[in-house]
Amino acid sequence: TQAPTSAGDVRARVLALLEASQGGLREDAWRRLGPQAVPVLTSLAVDSSLPIARRALAMTSLSLVDPAQGAQSIREVLEDARAPADVRANAATALGRSLGLEAIPTLISRLEDREDSVREAVAVALGRLGGQQARQALEDRLPVEERPLVREALQRGLTLVEP
């Protein structure tokens, strides 16, 4: 597939791919778009006029087009208390996917997020990343977490962490 050339062409292809991705992400298609799609996806992820599902999908897609470049935008959305919880929860998953173990300190800080869905996503993302630091953070959070669904996510995260 030929790479898009103009900013308008990139935006049109990003929007078309978001529409086509409603049934599931097409990782290879996102990777072909490459780094030039990062600014477009970032602007869509933070555009409060768009439906939350579209914003969340844009956030997830950021981790596919260019993990290194997209990571900063993903981190900013995760830490933005004004962003919708669903978008921030997707950002937690996307940050783990794009940064790998480097995401652990940022994710750990979000275990105390005010939104349950964000804490749930962070717990599972930490479990998928694994390692002693992630395990310790999940173990430390479990006794103080009051919400049952978040406690379940913490347990799930602990089962995902390598022993």
N, C-alpha and C. Protein backbone atom coordinates (compact mmCIF):
# COMPACT_ATOMS: atom_id res chain seq x y z
N THR A 1 0.84 -1.18 0.00
CA THR A 1 0.00 0.00 0.00
C THR A 1 0.88 1.24 0.00
N GLN A 2 0.49 2.23 -0.76
CA GLN A 2 1.26 3.46 -0.86
C GLN A 2 1.04 4.32 0.38
N ALA A 3 2.11 4.96 0.86
CA ALA A 3 2.01 5.82 2.03
C ALA A 3 1.25 7.09 1.67
N PRO A 4 0.41 7.58 2.61
CA PRO A 4 -0.30 8.82 2.36
C PRO A 4 0.69 9.98 2.26
N THR A 5 0.36 10.97 1.44
CA THR A 5 1.31 12.05 1.20
C THR A 5 0.95 13.35 1.90
N SER A 6 -0.28 13.76 1.89
CA SER A 6 -0.66 15.03 2.49
C SER A 6 -1.28 14.81 3.87
N ALA A 7 -1.30 15.89 4.67
CA ALA A 7 -1.91 15.81 6.00
C ALA A 7 -3.38 15.43 5.89
N GLY A 8 -4.07 16.00 4.89
CA GLY A 8 -5.48 15.67 4.69
C GLY A 8 -5.67 14.21 4.32
N ASP A 9 -4.76 13.68 3.50
CA ASP A 9 -4.81 12.28 3.11
C ASP A 9 -4.58 11.38 4.32
N VAL A 10 -3.63 11.75 5.17
CA VAL A 10 -3.36 10.97 6.39
C VAL A 10 -4.60 10.96 7.27
N ARG A 11 -5.20 12.14 7.49
CA ARG A 11 -6.39 12.22 8.33
C ARG A 11 -7.52 11.37 7.75
N ALA A 12 -7.73 11.45 6.44
CA ALA A 12 -8.80 10.67 5.80
C ALA A 12 -8.55 9.18 5.99
N ARG A 13 -7.31 8.75 5.85
CA ARG A 13 -7.00 7.32 6.00
C ARG A 13 -7.14 6.88 7.45
N VAL A 14 -6.74 7.74 8.38
CA VAL A 14 -6.92 7.42 9.81
C VAL A 14 -8.40 7.26 10.12
N LEU A 15 -9.22 8.20 9.68
CA LEU A 15 -10.66 8.12 9.94
C LEU A 15 -11.27 6.88 9.31
N ALA A 16 -10.87 6.56 8.09
CA ALA A 16 -11.39 5.36 7.43
C ALA A 16 -10.99 4.10 8.18
N LEU A 17 -9.76 4.08 8.66
CA LEU A 17 -9.28 2.90 9.38
C LEU A 17 -9.96 2.78 10.75
N LEU A 18 -10.22 3.91 11.40
CA LEU A 18 -10.96 3.87 12.67
C LEU A 18 -12.35 3.30 12.44
N GLU A 19 -13.00 3.74 11.36
CA GLU A 19 -14.34 3.23 11.04
C GLU A 19 -14.29 1.73 10.76
N ALA A 20 -13.31 1.29 10.01
CA ALA A 20 -13.17 -0.12 9.67
C ALA A 20 -12.77 -0.96 10.87
N SER A 21 -12.18 -0.33 11.88
CA SER A 21 -11.67 -1.06 13.04
C SER A 21 -12.72 -1.27 14.11
N GLN A 22 -13.94 -0.83 13.89
CA GLN A 22 -14.98 -0.99 14.91
C GLN A 22 -15.14 -2.44 15.34
N GLY A 23 -14.93 -3.37 14.43
CA GLY A 23 -15.05 -4.78 14.77
C GLY A 23 -13.77 -5.39 15.30
N GLY A 24 -12.72 -4.63 15.40
CA GLY A 24 -11.44 -5.12 15.89
C GLY A 24 -10.30 -4.41 15.18
N LEU A 25 -9.23 -4.20 15.90
CA LEU A 25 -8.09 -3.46 15.33
C LEU A 25 -7.42 -4.25 14.22
N ARG A 26 -7.00 -3.53 13.21
CA ARG A 26 -6.24 -4.11 12.11
C ARG A 26 -4.80 -3.62 12.25
N GLU A 27 -4.03 -4.37 13.04
CA GLU A 27 -2.69 -3.93 13.42
C GLU A 27 -1.79 -3.65 12.23
N ASP A 28 -1.81 -4.52 11.23
CA ASP A 28 -0.92 -4.32 10.09
C ASP A 28 -1.26 -3.04 9.33
N ALA A 29 -2.55 -2.74 9.20
CA ALA A 29 -2.96 -1.52 8.50
C ALA A 29 -2.51 -0.28 9.27
N TRP A 30 -2.62 -0.32 10.59
CA TRP A 30 -2.17 0.82 11.40
C TRP A 30 -0.66 1.00 11.27
N ARG A 31 0.08 -0.08 11.31
CA ARG A 31 1.54 0.02 11.21
C ARG A 31 1.97 0.61 9.87
N ARG A 32 1.23 0.28 8.80
CA ARG A 32 1.56 0.84 7.48
C ARG A 32 1.39 2.35 7.45
N LEU A 33 0.43 2.86 8.21
CA LEU A 33 0.25 4.32 8.26
C LEU A 33 1.46 5.00 8.88
N GLY A 34 2.02 4.39 9.90
CA GLY A 34 3.27 4.87 10.48
C GLY A 34 3.16 6.16 11.29
N PRO A 35 4.33 6.74 11.59
CA PRO A 35 4.44 7.87 12.51
C PRO A 35 3.63 9.11 12.11
N GLN A 36 3.38 9.28 10.82
CA GLN A 36 2.63 10.46 10.40
C GLN A 36 1.19 10.44 10.91
N ALA A 37 0.70 9.28 11.34
CA ALA A 37 -0.66 9.19 11.87
C ALA A 37 -0.74 9.59 13.34
N VAL A 38 0.41 9.67 14.03
CA VAL A 38 0.41 9.96 15.47
C VAL A 38 -0.28 11.28 15.80
N PRO A 39 0.05 12.40 15.13
CA PRO A 39 -0.64 13.65 15.47
C PRO A 39 -2.15 13.60 15.22
N VAL A 40 -2.55 12.91 14.16
CA VAL A 40 -3.98 12.80 13.85
C VAL A 40 -4.68 11.98 14.93
N LEU A 41 -4.12 10.84 15.28
CA LEU A 41 -4.72 10.00 16.31
C LEU A 41 -4.74 10.71 17.66
N THR A 42 -3.68 11.43 17.97
CA THR A 42 -3.62 12.17 19.24
C THR A 42 -4.74 13.21 19.29
N SER A 43 -4.92 13.95 18.20
CA SER A 43 -5.97 14.97 18.19
C SER A 43 -7.36 14.34 18.30
N LEU A 44 -7.55 13.18 17.69
CA LEU A 44 -8.84 12.49 17.79
C LEU A 44 -9.08 11.97 19.20
N ALA A 45 -8.03 11.46 19.84
CA ALA A 45 -8.16 10.90 21.19
C ALA A 45 -8.55 11.96 22.21
N VAL A 46 -8.17 13.19 21.98
CA VAL A 46 -8.48 14.25 22.95
C VAL A 46 -9.64 15.15 22.50
N ASP A 47 -10.26 14.84 21.37
CA ASP A 47 -11.36 15.65 20.83
C ASP A 47 -12.66 15.31 21.56
N SER A 48 -13.08 16.19 22.46
CA SER A 48 -14.26 15.91 23.28
C SER A 48 -15.56 15.92 22.48
N SER A 49 -15.54 16.36 21.22
CA SER A 49 -16.75 16.33 20.41
C SER A 49 -17.01 14.95 19.80
N LEU A 50 -16.02 14.08 19.86
CA LEU A 50 -16.16 12.73 19.29
C LEU A 50 -16.75 11.78 20.33
N PRO A 51 -17.43 10.72 19.87
CA PRO A 51 -17.92 9.71 20.80
C PRO A 51 -16.75 9.08 21.57
N ILE A 52 -17.00 8.73 22.81
CA ILE A 52 -15.94 8.16 23.66
C ILE A 52 -15.37 6.90 23.04
N ALA A 53 -16.20 6.07 22.42
CA ALA A 53 -15.69 4.82 21.81
C ALA A 53 -14.69 5.13 20.70
N ARG A 54 -14.94 6.17 19.92
CA ARG A 54 -14.03 6.55 18.84
C ARG A 54 -12.71 7.07 19.43
N ARG A 55 -12.82 7.86 20.51
CA ARG A 55 -11.62 8.39 21.16
C ARG A 55 -10.78 7.26 21.75
N ALA A 56 -11.45 6.29 22.38
CA ALA A 56 -10.74 5.16 22.98
C ALA A 56 -10.04 4.34 21.91
N LEU A 57 -10.69 4.14 20.77
CA LEU A 57 -10.08 3.38 19.67
C LEU A 57 -8.88 4.13 19.11
N ALA A 58 -8.97 5.45 19.02
CA ALA A 58 -7.83 6.25 18.56
C ALA A 58 -6.66 6.08 19.52
N MET A 59 -6.95 6.05 20.81
CA MET A 59 -5.90 5.88 21.82
C MET A 59 -5.22 4.53 21.66
N THR A 60 -6.00 3.48 21.53
CA THR A 60 -5.44 2.14 21.35
C THR A 60 -4.60 2.07 20.07
N SER A 61 -5.08 2.70 19.02
CA SER A 61 -4.38 2.68 17.74
C SER A 61 -3.04 3.39 17.80
N LEU A 62 -2.91 4.38 18.68
CA LEU A 62 -1.64 5.09 18.83
C LEU A 62 -0.50 4.15 19.17
N SER A 63 -0.79 3.12 19.94
CA SER A 63 0.28 2.19 20.33
C SER A 63 0.71 1.30 19.18
N LEU A 64 -0.07 1.29 18.10
CA LEU A 64 0.26 0.44 16.96
C LEU A 64 1.03 1.17 15.87
N VAL A 65 0.67 2.44 15.61
CA VAL A 65 1.28 3.13 14.47
C VAL A 65 2.75 3.44 14.70
N ASP A 66 3.09 3.86 15.91
CA ASP A 66 4.48 4.17 16.24
C ASP A 66 4.59 4.15 17.76
N PRO A 67 4.87 2.98 18.33
CA PRO A 67 4.87 2.86 19.79
C PRO A 67 5.71 3.91 20.51
N ALA A 68 6.91 4.18 20.03
CA ALA A 68 7.79 5.12 20.73
C ALA A 68 7.24 6.54 20.68
N GLN A 69 6.83 7.00 19.50
CA GLN A 69 6.33 8.36 19.37
C GLN A 69 4.96 8.52 20.01
N GLY A 70 4.13 7.50 19.92
CA GLY A 70 2.79 7.58 20.48
C GLY A 70 2.76 7.53 21.99
N ALA A 71 3.80 6.98 22.61
CA ALA A 71 3.81 6.77 24.06
C ALA A 71 3.63 8.06 24.85
N GLN A 72 4.25 9.14 24.43
CA GLN A 72 4.13 10.40 25.18
C GLN A 72 2.69 10.90 25.16
N SER A 73 2.04 10.83 24.01
CA SER A 73 0.64 11.25 23.91
C SER A 73 -0.24 10.35 24.77
N ILE A 74 0.03 9.06 24.72
CA ILE A 74 -0.75 8.10 25.51
C ILE A 74 -0.59 8.42 27.00
N ARG A 75 0.63 8.65 27.43
CA ARG A 75 0.90 8.96 28.85
C ARG A 75 0.15 10.23 29.27
N GLU A 76 0.17 11.25 28.42
CA GLU A 76 -0.50 12.51 28.75
C GLU A 76 -2.01 12.30 28.93
N VAL A 77 -2.61 11.51 28.07
CA VAL A 77 -4.05 11.25 28.19
C VAL A 77 -4.33 10.44 29.46
N LEU A 78 -3.52 9.44 29.73
CA LEU A 78 -3.71 8.62 30.94
C LEU A 78 -3.68 9.49 32.19
N GLU A 79 -2.81 10.48 32.21
CA GLU A 79 -2.65 11.32 33.40
C GLU A 79 -3.59 12.53 33.42
N ASP A 80 -4.39 12.71 32.38
CA ASP A 80 -5.31 13.85 32.29
C ASP A 80 -6.64 13.50 32.96
N ALA A 81 -6.86 14.04 34.14
CA ALA A 81 -8.07 13.72 34.90
C ALA A 81 -9.34 14.18 34.19
N ARG A 82 -9.23 15.09 33.22
CA ARG A 82 -10.42 15.57 32.50
C ARG A 82 -10.83 14.63 31.38
N ALA A 83 -9.95 13.76 30.96
CA ALA A 83 -10.28 12.82 29.88
C ALA A 83 -11.27 11.78 30.41
N PRO A 84 -12.18 11.31 29.56
CA PRO A 84 -13.14 10.29 30.00
C PRO A 84 -12.44 9.02 30.50
N ALA A 85 -13.04 8.40 31.49
CA ALA A 85 -12.45 7.20 32.10
C ALA A 85 -12.19 6.11 31.07
N ASP A 86 -13.12 5.90 30.13
CA ASP A 86 -12.93 4.85 29.12
C ASP A 86 -11.70 5.11 28.26
N VAL A 87 -11.49 6.36 27.91
CA VAL A 87 -10.33 6.71 27.09
C VAL A 87 -9.05 6.51 27.90
N ARG A 88 -9.08 6.90 29.17
CA ARG A 88 -7.91 6.74 30.03
C ARG A 88 -7.63 5.26 30.30
N ALA A 89 -8.68 4.45 30.44
CA ALA A 89 -8.47 3.01 30.63
C ALA A 89 -7.80 2.41 29.39
N ASN A 90 -8.24 2.82 28.21
CA ASN A 90 -7.59 2.36 26.98
C ASN A 90 -6.15 2.85 26.92
N ALA A 91 -5.91 4.04 27.44
CA ALA A 91 -4.55 4.58 27.46
C ALA A 91 -3.64 3.72 28.33
N ALA A 92 -4.17 3.19 29.44
CA ALA A 92 -3.35 2.33 30.31
C ALA A 92 -2.90 1.09 29.55
N THR A 93 -3.83 0.47 28.85
CA THR A 93 -3.50 -0.72 28.06
C THR A 93 -2.52 -0.37 26.95
N ALA A 94 -2.79 0.73 26.26
CA ALA A 94 -1.94 1.15 25.14
C ALA A 94 -0.54 1.51 25.60
N LEU A 95 -0.42 2.13 26.78
CA LEU A 95 0.90 2.50 27.27
C LEU A 95 1.74 1.26 27.55
N GLY A 96 1.12 0.26 28.16
CA GLY A 96 1.84 -0.99 28.39
C GLY A 96 2.28 -1.64 27.09
N ARG A 97 1.42 -1.58 26.08
CA ARG A 97 1.74 -2.17 24.78
C ARG A 97 2.87 -1.40 24.09
N SER A 98 2.86 -0.08 24.20
CA SER A 98 3.86 0.70 23.46
C SER A 98 5.20 0.82 24.17
N LEU A 99 5.20 0.90 25.49
CA LEU A 99 6.46 1.09 26.22
C LEU A 99 7.01 -0.16 26.87
N GLY A 100 6.17 -1.17 27.03
CA GLY A 100 6.63 -2.36 27.73
C GLY A 100 6.98 -2.03 29.18
N LEU A 101 8.07 -2.59 29.67
CA LEU A 101 8.45 -2.43 31.07
C LEU A 101 8.67 -0.97 31.47
N GLU A 102 9.01 -0.13 30.52
CA GLU A 102 9.19 1.30 30.83
C GLU A 102 7.89 1.96 31.29
N ALA A 103 6.76 1.34 31.01
CA ALA A 103 5.47 1.92 31.40
C ALA A 103 5.15 1.67 32.87
N ILE A 104 5.84 0.75 33.50
CA ILE A 104 5.48 0.34 34.86
C ILE A 104 5.40 1.51 35.85
N PRO A 105 6.39 2.40 35.95
CA PRO A 105 6.26 3.48 36.94
C PRO A 105 5.03 4.37 36.72
N THR A 106 4.73 4.70 35.47
CA THR A 106 3.55 5.52 35.18
C THR A 106 2.28 4.76 35.55
N LEU A 107 2.22 3.48 35.19
CA LEU A 107 1.04 2.68 35.49
C LEU A 107 0.85 2.54 37.00
N ILE A 108 1.92 2.30 37.73
CA ILE A 108 1.81 2.17 39.19
C ILE A 108 1.18 3.42 39.79
N SER A 109 1.57 4.57 39.30
CA SER A 109 1.01 5.82 39.84
C SER A 109 -0.49 5.92 39.61
N ARG A 110 -1.01 5.23 38.60
CA ARG A 110 -2.44 5.29 38.29
C ARG A 110 -3.24 4.25 39.06
N LEU A 111 -2.60 3.41 39.86
CA LEU A 111 -3.35 2.46 40.70
C LEU A 111 -4.20 3.19 41.74
N GLU A 112 -3.93 4.47 41.94
CA GLU A 112 -4.71 5.27 42.89
C GLU A 112 -5.63 6.25 42.16
N ASP A 113 -5.85 6.02 40.88
CA ASP A 113 -6.72 6.89 40.09
C ASP A 113 -8.11 6.93 40.71
N ARG A 114 -8.81 8.05 40.54
CA ARG A 114 -10.15 8.18 41.11
C ARG A 114 -11.18 7.31 40.39
N GLU A 115 -10.90 6.93 39.15
CA GLU A 115 -11.85 6.15 38.34
C GLU A 115 -11.58 4.65 38.45
N ASP A 116 -12.62 3.91 38.82
CA ASP A 116 -12.49 2.46 38.95
C ASP A 116 -12.00 1.80 37.66
N SER A 117 -12.58 2.20 36.52
CA SER A 117 -12.23 1.54 35.26
C SER A 117 -10.77 1.75 34.89
N VAL A 118 -10.22 2.89 35.27
CA VAL A 118 -8.80 3.15 35.01
C VAL A 118 -7.95 2.24 35.90
N ARG A 119 -8.31 2.14 37.18
CA ARG A 119 -7.55 1.26 38.09
C ARG A 119 -7.62 -0.19 37.63
N GLU A 120 -8.79 -0.61 37.13
CA GLU A 120 -8.93 -1.98 36.62
C GLU A 120 -7.99 -2.21 35.44
N ALA A 121 -8.01 -1.31 34.48
CA ALA A 121 -7.16 -1.45 33.29
C ALA A 121 -5.68 -1.43 33.66
N VAL A 122 -5.32 -0.57 34.60
CA VAL A 122 -3.93 -0.48 35.04
C VAL A 122 -3.50 -1.79 35.70
N ALA A 123 -4.35 -2.36 36.53
CA ALA A 123 -4.01 -3.61 37.21
C ALA A 123 -3.72 -4.73 36.21
N VAL A 124 -4.56 -4.85 35.21
CA VAL A 124 -4.37 -5.90 34.19
C VAL A 124 -3.14 -5.60 33.34
N ALA A 125 -2.95 -4.32 32.98
CA ALA A 125 -1.77 -3.95 32.18
C ALA A 125 -0.49 -4.27 32.94
N LEU A 126 -0.46 -3.98 34.23
CA LEU A 126 0.72 -4.30 35.04
C LEU A 126 0.94 -5.81 35.09
N GLY A 127 -0.14 -6.56 35.23
CA GLY A 127 -0.02 -8.02 35.25
C GLY A 127 0.55 -8.56 33.95
N ARG A 128 0.10 -8.00 32.84
CA ARG A 128 0.61 -8.44 31.53
C ARG A 128 2.09 -8.11 31.37
N LEU A 129 2.52 -6.98 31.91
CA LEU A 129 3.92 -6.59 31.80
C LEU A 129 4.80 -7.47 32.69
N GLY A 130 4.28 -7.82 33.86
CA GLY A 130 5.00 -8.71 34.75
C GLY A 130 6.18 -8.07 35.46
N GLY A 131 6.92 -8.91 36.15
CA GLY A 131 8.10 -8.44 36.86
C GLY A 131 7.81 -8.18 38.33
N GLN A 132 8.87 -8.10 39.10
CA GLN A 132 8.76 -7.93 40.55
C GLN A 132 8.14 -6.58 40.93
N GLN A 133 8.51 -5.52 40.22
CA GLN A 133 7.97 -4.20 40.55
C GLN A 133 6.45 -4.16 40.35
N ALA A 134 5.98 -4.74 39.26
CA ALA A 134 4.54 -4.78 39.01
C ALA A 134 3.84 -5.64 40.05
N ARG A 135 4.40 -6.81 40.34
CA ARG A 135 3.81 -7.70 41.35
C ARG A 135 3.69 -6.99 42.69
N GLN A 136 4.76 -6.32 43.11
CA GLN A 136 4.76 -5.65 44.40
C GLN A 136 3.70 -4.55 44.46
N ALA A 137 3.57 -3.79 43.39
CA ALA A 137 2.57 -2.72 43.34
C ALA A 137 1.15 -3.29 43.44
N LEU A 138 0.89 -4.39 42.74
CA LEU A 138 -0.43 -5.02 42.79
C LEU A 138 -0.70 -5.58 44.18
N GLU A 139 0.29 -6.22 44.77
CA GLU A 139 0.13 -6.77 46.12
C GLU A 139 -0.09 -5.66 47.14
N ASP A 140 0.60 -4.54 46.98
CA ASP A 140 0.45 -3.42 47.92
C ASP A 140 -0.92 -2.77 47.80
N ARG A 141 -1.47 -2.73 46.61
CA ARG A 141 -2.76 -2.06 46.38
C ARG A 141 -3.94 -2.92 46.84
N LEU A 142 -3.81 -4.22 46.73
CA LEU A 142 -4.94 -5.12 47.01
C LEU A 142 -5.59 -4.90 48.38
N PRO A 143 -4.84 -4.82 49.49
CA PRO A 143 -5.50 -4.67 50.79
C PRO A 143 -6.18 -3.31 51.00
N VAL A 144 -5.81 -2.30 50.26
CA VAL A 144 -6.42 -0.98 50.46
C VAL A 144 -7.51 -0.66 49.44
N GLU A 145 -7.64 -1.48 48.41
CA GLU A 145 -8.66 -1.25 47.38
C GLU A 145 -10.02 -1.66 47.91
N GLU A 146 -11.00 -0.75 47.82
CA GLU A 146 -12.33 -1.02 48.36
C GLU A 146 -13.32 -1.52 47.33
N ARG A 147 -13.10 -1.23 46.06
CA ARG A 147 -14.08 -1.57 45.02
C ARG A 147 -13.91 -3.02 44.57
N PRO A 148 -14.99 -3.83 44.62
CA PRO A 148 -14.89 -5.25 44.26
C PRO A 148 -14.35 -5.52 42.85
N LEU A 149 -14.81 -4.77 41.85
CA LEU A 149 -14.34 -5.03 40.48
C LEU A 149 -12.86 -4.70 40.33
N VAL A 150 -12.42 -3.68 41.03
CA VAL A 150 -10.99 -3.33 40.96
C VAL A 150 -10.18 -4.39 41.69
N ARG A 151 -10.70 -4.88 42.82
CA ARG A 151 -10.01 -5.95 43.55
C ARG A 151 -9.87 -7.19 42.65
N GLU A 152 -10.94 -7.50 41.89
CA GLU A 152 -10.87 -8.63 40.95
C GLU A 152 -9.80 -8.39 39.90
N ALA A 153 -9.72 -7.16 39.39
CA ALA A 153 -8.71 -6.83 38.38
C ALA A 153 -7.30 -6.94 38.97
N LEU A 154 -7.14 -6.53 40.21
CA LEU A 154 -5.84 -6.66 40.88
C LEU A 154 -5.46 -8.14 41.00
N GLN A 155 -6.43 -8.97 41.37
CA GLN A 155 -6.18 -10.42 41.47
C GLN A 155 -5.82 -10.99 40.10
N ARG A 156 -6.56 -10.56 39.07
CA ARG A 156 -6.29 -11.02 37.71
C ARG A 156 -4.87 -10.60 37.29
N GLY A 157 -4.51 -9.37 37.62
CA GLY A 157 -3.16 -8.89 37.32
C GLY A 157 -2.11 -9.74 38.00
N LEU A 158 -2.37 -10.09 39.25
CA LEU A 158 -1.40 -10.93 39.99
C LEU A 158 -1.27 -12.32 39.37
N THR A 159 -2.37 -12.86 38.84
CA THR A 159 -2.26 -14.18 38.21
C THR A 159 -1.52 -14.11 36.88
N LEU A 160 -1.52 -12.93 36.25
CA LEU A 160 -0.81 -12.77 34.97
C LEU A 160 0.69 -12.57 35.16
N VAL A 161 1.08 -12.01 36.31
CA VAL A 161 2.50 -11.74 36.57
C VAL A 161 3.25 -13.06 36.67
N GLU A 162 4.40 -13.10 36.04
CA GLU A 162 5.24 -14.31 36.15
C GLU A 162 5.69 -14.45 37.60
N PRO A 163 5.68 -15.67 38.14
CA PRO A 163 6.10 -15.85 39.54
C PRO A 163 7.57 -15.53 39.74
